[in-house]
Amino acid sequence: MFQVEKAILYAIDELNKSLIKRIAENEFNFGVHVAAYCERFERVDYLLHALEEKIDHKANRLFDEIKELKLQIKHKVRSDEG
């Protein structure tokens, strides 16, 4: 009976070591995946910000060109009247 008890305790100890090892590996792998996710998130955020800046710049240029065209049309109408 003593050998059976010893074998059971040994099996429990080995299982405990195995579980601890697997948990540590999973924590490491999870950390790696979280770091990769954070890196991708930061890159996407950077790209979105750059795209927003580009869209704003083009919209502002378009607005300025529209104002210039309105002034040119207004000037042309006045010169045609005179």
C-alpha atoms as a PDB file:
ATOM      1  CA  MET A   1       0.000   0.000   0.000  1.00  0.00           C
ATOM      2  CA  PHE A   2       2.878   2.369   0.732  1.00  0.00           C
ATOM      3  CA  GLN A   3       4.247   1.957  -2.812  1.00  0.00           C
ATOM      4  CA  VAL A   4       0.824   2.695  -4.341  1.00  0.00           C
ATOM      5  CA  GLU A   5       0.528   5.847  -2.256  1.00  0.00           C
ATOM      6  CA  LYS A   6       4.067   6.859  -3.224  1.00  0.00           C
ATOM      7  CA  ALA A   7       3.296   6.254  -6.921  1.00  0.00           C
ATOM      8  CA  ILE A   8       0.112   8.337  -6.680  1.00  0.00           C
ATOM      9  CA  LEU A   9       1.954  11.199  -4.971  1.00  0.00           C
ATOM     10  CA  TYR A  10       4.724  11.004  -7.586  1.00  0.00           C
ATOM     11  CA  ALA A  11       2.140  11.120 -10.412  1.00  0.00           C
ATOM     12  CA  ILE A  12       0.443  14.105  -8.773  1.00  0.00           C
ATOM     13  CA  ASP A  13       3.794  15.875  -8.415  1.00  0.00           C
ATOM     14  CA  GLU A  14       4.679  15.218 -12.079  1.00  0.00           C
ATOM     15  CA  LEU A  15       1.256  16.428 -13.178  1.00  0.00           C
ATOM     16  CA  ASN A  16       1.689  19.560 -11.064  1.00  0.00           C
ATOM     17  CA  LYS A  17       5.106  20.257 -12.665  1.00  0.00           C
ATOM     18  CA  SER A  18       3.665  19.635 -16.108  1.00  0.00           C
ATOM     19  CA  LEU A  19       0.757  22.015 -15.513  1.00  0.00           C
ATOM     20  CA  ILE A  20       3.041  24.720 -14.148  1.00  0.00           C
ATOM     21  CA  LYS A  21       5.269  24.379 -17.228  1.00  0.00           C
ATOM     22  CA  ARG A  22       2.298  24.546 -19.607  1.00  0.00           C
ATOM     23  CA  ILE A  23       0.847  27.581 -17.805  1.00  0.00           C
ATOM     24  CA  ALA A  24       4.216  29.356 -18.016  1.00  0.00           C
ATOM     25  CA  GLU A  25       4.455  28.575 -21.749  1.00  0.00           C
ATOM     26  CA  ASN A  26       0.914  29.821 -22.313  1.00  0.00           C
ATOM     27  CA  GLU A  27       1.637  33.029 -20.406  1.00  0.00           C
ATOM     28  CA  PHE A  28       4.724  33.619 -22.538  1.00  0.00           C
ATOM     29  CA  ASN A  29       2.831  32.914 -25.779  1.00  0.00           C
ATOM     30  CA  PHE A  30      -0.003  35.167 -24.648  1.00  0.00           C
ATOM     31  CA  GLY A  31       2.504  37.936 -23.911  1.00  0.00           C
ATOM     32  CA  VAL A  32       3.988  37.564 -27.388  1.00  0.00           C
ATOM     33  CA  HIS A  33       0.541  37.758 -28.998  1.00  0.00           C
ATOM     34  CA  VAL A  34      -0.444  40.784 -26.915  1.00  0.00           C
ATOM     35  CA  ALA A  35       2.761  42.566 -27.938  1.00  0.00           C
ATOM     36  CA  ALA A  36       2.110  41.771 -31.616  1.00  0.00           C
ATOM     37  CA  TYR A  37      -1.491  42.989 -31.276  1.00  0.00           C
ATOM     38  CA  CYS A  38      -0.361  46.243 -29.651  1.00  0.00           C
ATOM     39  CA  GLU A  39       2.176  46.779 -32.417  1.00  0.00           C
ATOM     40  CA  ARG A  40      -0.425  46.182 -35.135  1.00  0.00           C
ATOM     41  CA  PHE A  41      -2.926  48.431 -33.336  1.00  0.00           C
ATOM     42  CA  GLU A  42      -0.356  51.229 -33.104  1.00  0.00           C
ATOM     43  CA  ARG A  43       0.514  50.866 -36.792  1.00  0.00           C
ATOM     44  CA  VAL A  44      -3.136  50.952 -37.862  1.00  0.00           C
ATOM     45  CA  ASP A  45      -3.724  53.974 -35.636  1.00  0.00           C
ATOM     46  CA  TYR A  46      -0.720  55.707 -37.232  1.00  0.00           C
ATOM     47  CA  LEU A  47      -1.938  54.897 -40.747  1.00  0.00           C
ATOM     48  CA  LEU A  48      -5.466  56.108 -39.975  1.00  0.00           C
ATOM     49  CA  HIS A  49      -4.112  59.363 -38.586  1.00  0.00           C
ATOM     50  CA  ALA A  50      -1.944  59.843 -41.687  1.00  0.00           C
ATOM     51  CA  LEU A  51      -4.946  59.170 -43.917  1.00  0.00           C
ATOM     52  CA  GLU A  52      -7.099  61.655 -41.980  1.00  0.00           C
ATOM     53  CA  GLU A  53      -4.372  64.286 -42.349  1.00  0.00           C
ATOM     54  CA  LYS A  54      -4.148  63.615 -46.094  1.00  0.00           C
ATOM     55  CA  ILE A  55      -7.930  63.871 -46.513  1.00  0.00           C
ATOM     56  CA  ASP A  56      -8.038  67.109 -44.493  1.00  0.00           C
ATOM     57  CA  HIS A  57      -5.205  68.568 -46.562  1.00  0.00           C
ATOM     58  CA  LYS A  58      -6.898  67.714 -49.845  1.00  0.00           C
ATOM     59  CA  ALA A  59     -10.241  69.058 -48.596  1.00  0.00           C
ATOM     60  CA  ASN A  60      -8.606  72.329 -47.562  1.00  0.00           C
ATOM     61  CA  ARG A  61      -6.884  72.663 -50.944  1.00  0.00           C
ATOM     62  CA  LEU A  62     -10.184  71.991 -52.705  1.00  0.00           C
ATOM     63  CA  PHE A  63     -11.943  74.588 -50.555  1.00  0.00           C
ATOM     64  CA  ASP A  64      -9.228  77.149 -51.364  1.00  0.00           C
ATOM     65  CA  GLU A  65      -9.499  76.414 -55.087  1.00  0.00           C
ATOM     66  CA  ILE A  66     -13.280  76.821 -54.940  1.00  0.00           C
ATOM     67  CA  LYS A  67     -12.853  80.212 -53.249  1.00  0.00           C
ATOM     68  CA  GLU A  68     -10.359  81.254 -55.937  1.00  0.00           C
ATOM     69  CA  LEU A  69     -12.728  80.168 -58.711  1.00  0.00           C
ATOM     70  CA  LYS A  70     -15.594  82.117 -57.114  1.00  0.00           C
ATOM     71  CA  LEU A  71     -13.409  85.231 -56.979  1.00  0.00           C
ATOM     72  CA  GLN A  72     -12.345  84.741 -60.606  1.00  0.00           C
ATOM     73  CA  ILE A  73     -15.973  84.324 -61.701  1.00  0.00           C
ATOM     74  CA  LYS A  74     -17.004  87.383 -59.710  1.00  0.00           C
ATOM     75  CA  HIS A  75     -14.118  89.398 -61.217  1.00  0.00           C
ATOM     76  CA  LYS A  76     -14.963  88.191 -64.727  1.00  0.00           C
ATOM     77  CA  VAL A  77     -18.643  89.132 -64.322  1.00  0.00           C
ATOM     78  CA  ARG A  78     -17.663  92.613 -63.147  1.00  0.00           C
ATOM     79  CA  SER A  79     -15.183  93.075 -66.000  1.00  0.00           C
ATOM     80  CA  ASP A  80     -17.829  91.956 -68.529  1.00  0.00           C
ATOM     81  CA  GLU A  81     -20.288  94.504 -67.123  1.00  0.00           C
ATOM     82  CA  GLY A  82     -17.786  97.336 -67.420  1.00  0.00           C
END
